[in-house]
Structures are given as structure tokens and as C-alpha cells.
Amino acid sequence: MRLRTRTLGIVGAAAFVSLGALSVGLAHDDPRGVDLAGSGDAPANTTYVQPTAGGMNMGATATWTAPPSIEATAKAVPSGSAG
């Protein structure tokens, strides 16, 4: 158990050191960081304009009509017979 814990610790430390070395070695050349564009395809260093969208339209999901004039029944009875 102790050997497994020590091995996992060494592997984890080596991975951490490797990631640190890669991040230093592959750093971005620009000291300011990565340039991000503005809204849409606008060039960098422009003012961001929030895109707008029209209001949501739920549409007609149900048609409101008067209920049919059918009398209520206390028990459903089949209209035909099997046979």
C-alpha cells in the first residue's frame, strides 16, 4: 500500500512538473496576452456591442372552443359486442 501511494505521488509530481515546463516553453510571445475581437467579426480593440434578438413568440399552442354538448356518463360502456 505504501509503495503504491509513493508511486502515485511521484507520477503526480512528475506530471505537474511536466505541465509547468510545457506552459513555460509554449508561452504566447505577446506579453499582453491573446487579442480578442469585438462583436461579431469586428477588429480587435473595438467596443463590444451586445447582439439583439426579437422577442420570443410562443405561437398558438391551443385553440379555445366551447366544449361539445355530450352528456356526462357515470360508467363507460362499449358500443359493440365481441363475437
PDB file of N, CA and C in Angstrom:
ATOM      1  N   MET A   1       0.819  -1.187   0.000  1.00  0.00           N
ATOM      2  CA  MET A   1       0.000   0.000   0.000  1.00  0.00           C
ATOM      3  C   MET A   1       0.868   1.257   0.000  1.00  0.00           C
ATOM      4  N   ARG A   2       1.939   1.213   0.787  1.00  0.00           N
ATOM      5  CA  ARG A   2       2.825   2.368   0.870  1.00  0.00           C
ATOM      6  C   ARG A   2       3.571   2.596  -0.438  1.00  0.00           C
ATOM      7  N   LEU A   3       3.956   1.506  -1.097  1.00  0.00           N
ATOM      8  CA  LEU A   3       4.659   1.616  -2.367  1.00  0.00           C
ATOM      9  C   LEU A   3       3.737   2.210  -3.433  1.00  0.00           C
ATOM     10  N   ARG A   4       2.466   1.792  -3.431  1.00  0.00           N
ATOM     11  CA  ARG A   4       1.503   2.314  -4.401  1.00  0.00           C
ATOM     12  C   ARG A   4       1.280   3.812  -4.187  1.00  0.00           C
ATOM     13  N   THR A   5       1.149   4.230  -2.950  1.00  0.00           N
ATOM     14  CA  THR A   5       0.949   5.646  -2.649  1.00  0.00           C
ATOM     15  C   THR A   5       2.159   6.469  -3.068  1.00  0.00           C
ATOM     16  N   ARG A   6       3.348   5.960  -2.779  1.00  0.00           N
ATOM     17  CA  ARG A   6       4.569   6.674  -3.143  1.00  0.00           C
ATOM     18  C   ARG A   6       4.700   6.758  -4.668  1.00  0.00           C
ATOM     19  N   THR A   7       4.381   5.664  -5.363  1.00  0.00           N
ATOM     20  CA  THR A   7       4.471   5.661  -6.827  1.00  0.00           C
ATOM     21  C   THR A   7       3.492   6.655  -7.434  1.00  0.00           C
ATOM     22  N   LEU A   8       2.260   6.669  -6.943  1.00  0.00           N
ATOM     23  CA  LEU A   8       1.273   7.623  -7.448  1.00  0.00           C
ATOM     24  C   LEU A   8       1.685   9.059  -7.148  1.00  0.00           C
ATOM     25  N   GLY A   9       2.284   9.288  -6.009  1.00  0.00           N
ATOM     26  CA  GLY A   9       2.762  10.626  -5.670  1.00  0.00           C
ATOM     27  C   GLY A   9       3.877  11.077  -6.599  1.00  0.00           C
ATOM     28  N   ILE A  10       4.793  10.182  -6.916  1.00  0.00           N
ATOM     29  CA  ILE A  10       5.896  10.523  -7.816  1.00  0.00           C
ATOM     30  C   ILE A  10       5.366  10.786  -9.224  1.00  0.00           C
ATOM     31  N   VAL A  11       4.431   9.955  -9.684  1.00  0.00           N
ATOM     32  CA  VAL A  11       3.854  10.148 -11.016  1.00  0.00           C
ATOM     33  C   VAL A  11       3.081  11.470 -11.078  1.00  0.00           C
ATOM     34  N   GLY A  12       2.330  11.782 -10.038  1.00  0.00           N
ATOM     35  CA  GLY A  12       1.591  13.043  -9.999  1.00  0.00           C
ATOM     36  C   GLY A  12       2.518  14.243  -9.984  1.00  0.00           C
ATOM     37  N   ALA A  13       3.586  14.171  -9.211  1.00  0.00           N
ATOM     38  CA  ALA A  13       4.541  15.277  -9.162  1.00  0.00           C
ATOM     39  C   ALA A  13       5.236  15.451 -10.507  1.00  0.00           C
ATOM     40  N   ALA A  14       5.564  14.346 -11.158  1.00  0.00           N
ATOM     41  CA  ALA A  14       6.213  14.430 -12.471  1.00  0.00           C
ATOM     42  C   ALA A  14       5.265  15.039 -13.498  1.00  0.00           C
ATOM     43  N   ALA A  15       3.987  14.689 -13.437  1.00  0.00           N
ATOM     44  CA  ALA A  15       3.015  15.272 -14.359  1.00  0.00           C
ATOM     45  C   ALA A  15       2.872  16.767 -14.112  1.00  0.00           C
ATOM     46  N   PHE A  16       2.845  17.165 -12.860  1.00  0.00           N
ATOM     47  CA  PHE A  16       2.731  18.582 -12.512  1.00  0.00           C
ATOM     48  C   PHE A  16       3.937  19.368 -13.018  1.00  0.00           C
ATOM     49  N   VAL A  17       5.133  18.831 -12.840  1.00  0.00           N
ATOM     50  CA  VAL A  17       6.351  19.492 -13.307  1.00  0.00           C
ATOM     51  C   VAL A  17       6.360  19.555 -14.834  1.00  0.00           C
ATOM     52  N   SER A  18       5.902  18.490 -15.476  1.00  0.00           N
ATOM     53  CA  SER A  18       5.857  18.474 -16.947  1.00  0.00           C
ATOM     54  C   SER A  18       4.895  19.533 -17.482  1.00  0.00           C
ATOM     55  N   LEU A  19       3.730  19.666 -16.867  1.00  0.00           N
ATOM     56  CA  LEU A  19       2.787  20.696 -17.290  1.00  0.00           C
ATOM     57  C   LEU A  19       3.358  22.096 -17.095  1.00  0.00           C
ATOM     58  N   GLY A  20       4.053  22.308 -16.010  1.00  0.00           N
ATOM     59  CA  GLY A  20       4.686  23.605 -15.780  1.00  0.00           C
ATOM     60  C   GLY A  20       5.746  23.908 -16.821  1.00  0.00           C
ATOM     61  N   ALA A  21       6.545  22.908 -17.157  1.00  0.00           N
ATOM     62  CA  ALA A  21       7.590  23.113 -18.163  1.00  0.00           C
ATOM     63  C   ALA A  21       6.975  23.376 -19.530  1.00  0.00           C
ATOM     64  N   LEU A  22       5.908  22.681 -19.867  1.00  0.00           N
ATOM     65  CA  LEU A  22       5.242  22.912 -21.145  1.00  0.00           C
ATOM     66  C   LEU A  22       4.627  24.303 -21.205  1.00  0.00           C
ATOM     67  N   SER A  23       4.044  24.750 -20.104  1.00  0.00           N
ATOM     68  CA  SER A  23       3.428  26.076 -20.121  1.00  0.00           C
ATOM     69  C   SER A  23       4.462  27.177 -20.262  1.00  0.00           C
ATOM     70  N   VAL A  24       5.636  26.994 -19.714  1.00  0.00           N
ATOM     71  CA  VAL A  24       6.705  27.985 -19.873  1.00  0.00           C
ATOM     72  C   VAL A  24       7.282  27.903 -21.275  1.00  0.00           C
ATOM     73  N   GLY A  25       7.466  26.719 -21.781  1.00  0.00           N
ATOM     74  CA  GLY A  25       8.080  26.544 -23.089  1.00  0.00           C
ATOM     75  C   GLY A  25       7.179  26.948 -24.234  1.00  0.00           C
ATOM     76  N   LEU A  26       5.882  26.794 -24.077  1.00  0.00           N
ATOM     77  CA  LEU A  26       4.946  27.109 -25.147  1.00  0.00           C
ATOM     78  C   LEU A  26       4.162  28.384 -24.863  1.00  0.00           C
ATOM     79  N   ALA A  27       4.747  29.294 -24.115  1.00  0.00           N
ATOM     80  CA  ALA A  27       4.062  30.531 -23.751  1.00  0.00           C
ATOM     81  C   ALA A  27       3.818  31.387 -24.985  1.00  0.00           C
ATOM     82  N   HIS A  28       2.806  32.209 -24.918  1.00  0.00           N
ATOM     83  CA  HIS A  28       2.467  33.117 -26.015  1.00  0.00           C
ATOM     84  C   HIS A  28       3.532  34.206 -26.093  1.00  0.00           C
ATOM     85  N   ASP A  29       3.936  34.558 -27.315  1.00  0.00           N
ATOM     86  CA  ASP A  29       5.006  35.550 -27.486  1.00  0.00           C
ATOM     87  C   ASP A  29       4.582  36.958 -27.108  1.00  0.00           C
ATOM     88  N   ASP A  30       3.303  37.264 -27.236  1.00  0.00           N
ATOM     89  CA  ASP A  30       2.804  38.604 -26.945  1.00  0.00           C
ATOM     90  C   ASP A  30       2.681  38.788 -25.431  1.00  0.00           C
ATOM     91  N   PRO A  31       3.339  39.753 -24.827  1.00  0.00           N
ATOM     92  CA  PRO A  31       3.270  39.923 -23.376  1.00  0.00           C
ATOM     93  C   PRO A  31       1.890  40.391 -22.899  1.00  0.00           C
ATOM     94  N   ARG A  32       1.071  40.964 -23.795  1.00  0.00           N
ATOM     95  CA  ARG A  32      -0.256  41.437 -23.403  1.00  0.00           C
ATOM     96  C   ARG A  32      -1.267  40.308 -23.336  1.00  0.00           C
ATOM     97  N   GLY A  33      -0.943  39.151 -23.877  1.00  0.00           N
ATOM     98  CA  GLY A  33      -1.891  38.048 -23.891  1.00  0.00           C
ATOM     99  C   GLY A  33      -2.489  37.877 -25.274  1.00  0.00           C
ATOM    100  N   VAL A  34      -3.597  37.208 -25.340  1.00  0.00           N
ATOM    101  CA  VAL A  34      -4.250  36.919 -26.614  1.00  0.00           C
ATOM    102  C   VAL A  34      -5.221  38.043 -26.932  1.00  0.00           C
ATOM    103  N   ASP A  35      -5.168  38.553 -28.166  1.00  0.00           N
ATOM    104  CA  ASP A  35      -6.081  39.602 -28.588  1.00  0.00           C
ATOM    105  C   ASP A  35      -7.428  38.983 -28.949  1.00  0.00           C
ATOM    106  N   LEU A  36      -8.467  39.530 -28.394  1.00  0.00           N
ATOM    107  CA  LEU A  36      -9.812  39.073 -28.698  1.00  0.00           C
ATOM    108  C   LEU A  36     -10.520  40.139 -29.506  1.00  0.00           C
ATOM    109  N   ALA A  37     -11.330  39.713 -30.461  1.00  0.00           N
ATOM    110  CA  ALA A  37     -12.063  40.654 -31.292  1.00  0.00           C
ATOM    111  C   ALA A  37     -13.285  41.161 -30.542  1.00  0.00           C
ATOM    112  N   GLY A  38     -13.889  42.181 -31.096  1.00  0.00           N
ATOM    113  CA  GLY A  38     -15.099  42.734 -30.513  1.00  0.00           C
ATOM    114  C   GLY A  38     -16.321  41.932 -30.935  1.00  0.00           C
ATOM    115  N   SER A  39     -17.409  42.606 -31.201  1.00  0.00           N
ATOM    116  CA  SER A  39     -18.659  41.954 -31.558  1.00  0.00           C
ATOM    117  C   SER A  39     -18.598  41.403 -32.978  1.00  0.00           C
ATOM    118  N   GLY A  40     -18.987  40.162 -33.150  1.00  0.00           N
ATOM    119  CA  GLY A  40     -19.023  39.556 -34.473  1.00  0.00           C
ATOM    120  C   GLY A  40     -17.642  39.452 -35.083  1.00  0.00           C
ATOM    121  N   ASP A  41     -17.466  39.987 -36.280  1.00  0.00           N
ATOM    122  CA  ASP A  41     -16.181  39.935 -36.965  1.00  0.00           C
ATOM    123  C   ASP A  41     -15.431  41.257 -36.858  1.00  0.00           C
ATOM    124  N   ALA A  42     -15.696  42.022 -35.832  1.00  0.00           N
ATOM    125  CA  ALA A  42     -15.056  43.321 -35.670  1.00  0.00           C
ATOM    126  C   ALA A  42     -13.573  43.139 -35.360  1.00  0.00           C
ATOM    127  N   PRO A  43     -12.747  44.110 -35.720  1.00  0.00           N
ATOM    128  CA  PRO A  43     -11.327  44.014 -35.401  1.00  0.00           C
ATOM    129  C   PRO A  43     -11.100  44.143 -33.890  1.00  0.00           C
ATOM    130  N   ALA A  44      -9.903  43.781 -33.470  1.00  0.00           N
ATOM    131  CA  ALA A  44      -9.570  43.846 -32.046  1.00  0.00           C
ATOM    132  C   ALA A  44      -9.577  45.293 -31.567  1.00  0.00           C
ATOM    133  N   ASN A  45      -9.688  45.465 -30.276  1.00  0.00           N
ATOM    134  CA  ASN A  45      -9.668  46.770 -29.607  1.00  0.00           C
ATOM    135  C   ASN A  45     -10.826  47.663 -30.036  1.00  0.00           C
ATOM    136  N   THR A  46     -11.986  47.078 -30.252  1.00  0.00           N
ATOM    137  CA  THR A  46     -13.174  47.853 -30.567  1.00  0.00           C
ATOM    138  C   THR A  46     -14.166  47.702 -29.434  1.00  0.00           C
ATOM    139  N   THR A  47     -15.208  48.497 -29.455  1.00  0.00           N
ATOM    140  CA  THR A  47     -16.222  48.442 -28.409  1.00  0.00           C
ATOM    141  C   THR A  47     -17.185  47.296 -28.687  1.00  0.00           C
ATOM    142  N   TYR A  48     -17.469  46.535 -27.660  1.00  0.00           N
ATOM    143  CA  TYR A  48     -18.385  45.399 -27.800  1.00  0.00           C
ATOM    144  C   TYR A  48     -19.820  45.908 -27.865  1.00  0.00           C
ATOM    145  N   VAL A  49     -20.565  45.399 -28.833  1.00  0.00           N
ATOM    146  CA  VAL A  49     -21.973  45.747 -28.986  1.00  0.00           C
ATOM    147  C   VAL A  49     -22.784  44.484 -28.750  1.00  0.00           C
ATOM    148  N   GLN A  50     -23.648  44.530 -27.761  1.00  0.00           N
ATOM    149  CA  GLN A  50     -24.472  43.365 -27.420  1.00  0.00           C
ATOM    150  C   GLN A  50     -25.414  43.032 -28.571  1.00  0.00           C
ATOM    151  N   PRO A  51     -25.401  41.792 -29.071  1.00  0.00           N
ATOM    152  CA  PRO A  51     -26.331  41.436 -30.132  1.00  0.00           C
ATOM    153  C   PRO A  51     -27.767  41.458 -29.618  1.00  0.00           C
ATOM    154  N   THR A  52     -28.674  41.830 -30.490  1.00  0.00           N
ATOM    155  CA  THR A  52     -30.076  41.877 -30.099  1.00  0.00           C
ATOM    156  C   THR A  52     -30.861  40.840 -30.871  1.00  0.00           C
ATOM    157  N   ALA A  53     -31.901  40.362 -30.247  1.00  0.00           N
ATOM    158  CA  ALA A  53     -32.795  39.389 -30.875  1.00  0.00           C
ATOM    159  C   ALA A  53     -34.218  39.827 -30.591  1.00  0.00           C
ATOM    160  N   GLY A  54     -35.107  39.492 -31.495  1.00  0.00           N
ATOM    161  CA  GLY A  54     -36.511  39.837 -31.310  1.00  0.00           C
ATOM    162  C   GLY A  54     -37.107  39.084 -30.125  1.00  0.00           C
ATOM    163  N   GLY A  55     -38.273  39.522 -29.700  1.00  0.00           N
ATOM    164  CA  GLY A  55     -38.940  38.860 -28.594  1.00  0.00           C
ATOM    165  C   GLY A  55     -39.364  37.446 -28.952  1.00  0.00           C
ATOM    166  N   MET A  56     -39.490  36.617 -27.947  1.00  0.00           N
ATOM    167  CA  MET A  56     -39.864  35.241 -28.173  1.00  0.00           C
ATOM    168  C   MET A  56     -41.354  35.148 -28.511  1.00  0.00           C
ATOM    169  N   ASN A  57     -41.694  34.346 -29.493  1.00  0.00           N
ATOM    170  CA  ASN A  57     -43.071  34.161 -29.905  1.00  0.00           C
ATOM    171  C   ASN A  57     -43.479  32.730 -29.584  1.00  0.00           C
ATOM    172  N   MET A  58     -44.424  32.576 -28.673  1.00  0.00           N
ATOM    173  CA  MET A  58     -44.863  31.245 -28.291  1.00  0.00           C
ATOM    174  C   MET A  58     -45.809  30.640 -29.322  1.00  0.00           C
ATOM    175  N   GLY A  59     -46.438  31.465 -30.142  1.00  0.00           N
ATOM    176  CA  GLY A  59     -47.345  30.950 -31.154  1.00  0.00           C
ATOM    177  C   GLY A  59     -48.635  30.437 -30.532  1.00  0.00           C
ATOM    178  N   ALA A  60     -49.514  29.965 -31.370  1.00  0.00           N
ATOM    179  CA  ALA A  60     -50.785  29.429 -30.890  1.00  0.00           C
ATOM    180  C   ALA A  60     -50.577  27.959 -30.547  1.00  0.00           C
ATOM    181  N   THR A  61     -50.634  27.636 -29.271  1.00  0.00           N
ATOM    182  CA  THR A  61     -50.431  26.253 -28.863  1.00  0.00           C
ATOM    183  C   THR A  61     -51.742  25.522 -28.634  1.00  0.00           C
ATOM    184  N   ALA A  62     -52.848  26.233 -28.523  1.00  0.00           N
ATOM    185  CA  ALA A  62     -54.144  25.590 -28.314  1.00  0.00           C
ATOM    186  C   ALA A  62     -55.226  26.470 -28.930  1.00  0.00           C
ATOM    187  N   THR A  63     -56.250  25.838 -29.405  1.00  0.00           N
ATOM    188  CA  THR A  63     -57.390  26.567 -29.952  1.00  0.00           C
ATOM    189  C   THR A  63     -58.515  26.491 -28.934  1.00  0.00           C
ATOM    190  N   TRP A  64     -58.978  27.625 -28.471  1.00  0.00           N
ATOM    191  CA  TRP A  64     -60.008  27.652 -27.447  1.00  0.00           C
ATOM    192  C   TRP A  64     -61.386  27.621 -28.104  1.00  0.00           C
ATOM    193  N   THR A  65     -62.145  26.568 -27.826  1.00  0.00           N
ATOM    194  CA  THR A  65     -63.512  26.424 -28.337  1.00  0.00           C
ATOM    195  C   THR A  65     -64.419  25.976 -27.201  1.00  0.00           C
ATOM    196  N   ALA A  66     -65.697  26.087 -27.417  1.00  0.00           N
ATOM    197  CA  ALA A  66     -66.664  25.609 -26.421  1.00  0.00           C
ATOM    198  C   ALA A  66     -66.645  24.081 -26.400  1.00  0.00           C
ATOM    199  N   PRO A  67     -66.832  23.473 -25.244  1.00  0.00           N
ATOM    200  CA  PRO A  67     -66.827  22.010 -25.189  1.00  0.00           C
ATOM    201  C   PRO A  67     -68.033  21.436 -25.941  1.00  0.00           C
ATOM    202  N   PRO A  68     -67.917  20.225 -26.469  1.00  0.00           N
ATOM    203  CA  PRO A  68     -69.038  19.625 -27.185  1.00  0.00           C
ATOM    204  C   PRO A  68     -70.192  19.329 -26.220  1.00  0.00           C
ATOM    205  N   SER A  69     -71.378  19.293 -26.780  1.00  0.00           N
ATOM    206  CA  SER A  69     -72.559  19.060 -25.926  1.00  0.00           C
ATOM    207  C   SER A  69     -72.840  17.560 -25.832  1.00  0.00           C
ATOM    208  N   ILE A  70     -72.015  16.863 -25.094  1.00  0.00           N
ATOM    209  CA  ILE A  70     -72.198  15.431 -24.853  1.00  0.00           C
ATOM    210  C   ILE A  70     -72.458  15.258 -23.365  1.00  0.00           C
ATOM    211  N   GLU A  71     -73.487  14.497 -23.066  1.00  0.00           N
ATOM    212  CA  GLU A  71     -73.818  14.292 -21.659  1.00  0.00           C
ATOM    213  C   GLU A  71     -72.754  13.443 -20.982  1.00  0.00           C
ATOM    214  N   ALA A  72     -72.508  13.757 -19.746  1.00  0.00           N
ATOM    215  CA  ALA A  72     -71.535  13.001 -18.970  1.00  0.00           C
ATOM    216  C   ALA A  72     -72.092  11.623 -18.658  1.00  0.00           C
ATOM    217  N   THR A  73     -71.213  10.620 -18.615  1.00  0.00           N
ATOM    218  CA  THR A  73     -71.637   9.263 -18.265  1.00  0.00           C
ATOM    219  C   THR A  73     -70.964   8.849 -16.977  1.00  0.00           C
ATOM    220  N   ALA A  74     -71.651   8.028 -16.193  1.00  0.00           N
ATOM    221  CA  ALA A  74     -71.101   7.555 -14.934  1.00  0.00           C
ATOM    222  C   ALA A  74     -70.180   6.376 -15.156  1.00  0.00           C
ATOM    223  N   LYS A  75     -70.432   5.595 -16.226  1.00  0.00           N
ATOM    224  CA  LYS A  75     -69.626   4.409 -16.479  1.00  0.00           C
ATOM    225  C   LYS A  75     -69.491   4.256 -17.992  1.00  0.00           C
ATOM    226  N   ALA A  76     -68.264   3.964 -18.443  1.00  0.00           N
ATOM    227  CA  ALA A  76     -68.055   3.776 -19.870  1.00  0.00           C
ATOM    228  C   ALA A  76     -68.545   2.395 -20.273  1.00  0.00           C
ATOM    229  N   VAL A  77     -69.369   2.335 -21.336  1.00  0.00           N
ATOM    230  CA  VAL A  77     -69.905   1.076 -21.827  1.00  0.00           C
ATOM    231  C   VAL A  77     -69.529   0.976 -23.300  1.00  0.00           C
ATOM    232  N   PRO A  78     -68.929  -0.150 -23.711  1.00  0.00           N
ATOM    233  CA  PRO A  78     -68.574  -0.286 -25.126  1.00  0.00           C
ATOM    234  C   PRO A  78     -69.822  -0.292 -26.007  1.00  0.00           C
ATOM    235  N   SER A  79     -69.673   0.256 -27.193  1.00  0.00           N
ATOM    236  CA  SER A  79     -70.835   0.368 -28.068  1.00  0.00           C
ATOM    237  C   SER A  79     -71.101  -0.920 -28.861  1.00  0.00           C
ATOM    238  N   GLY A  80     -70.147  -1.788 -28.986  1.00  0.00           N
ATOM    239  CA  GLY A  80     -70.358  -3.015 -29.758  1.00  0.00           C
ATOM    240  C   GLY A  80     -70.171  -4.235 -28.885  1.00  0.00           C
ATOM    241  N   SER A  81     -70.353  -5.404 -29.479  1.00  0.00           N
ATOM    242  CA  SER A  81     -70.161  -6.640 -28.730  1.00  0.00           C
ATOM    243  C   SER A  81     -69.142  -7.500 -29.458  1.00  0.00           C
ATOM    244  N   ALA A  82     -68.397  -8.227 -28.695  1.00  0.00           N
ATOM    245  CA  ALA A  82     -67.390  -9.114 -29.283  1.00  0.00           C
ATOM    246  C   ALA A  82     -68.069 -10.386 -29.738  1.00  0.00           C
ATOM    247  N   GLY A  83     -67.669 -10.863 -30.830  1.00  0.00           N
ATOM    248  CA  GLY A  83     -68.322 -12.087 -31.128  1.00  0.00           C
ATOM    249  C   GLY A  83     -68.147 -12.572 -32.445  1.00  0.00           C
TER     250      GLY A  83
END
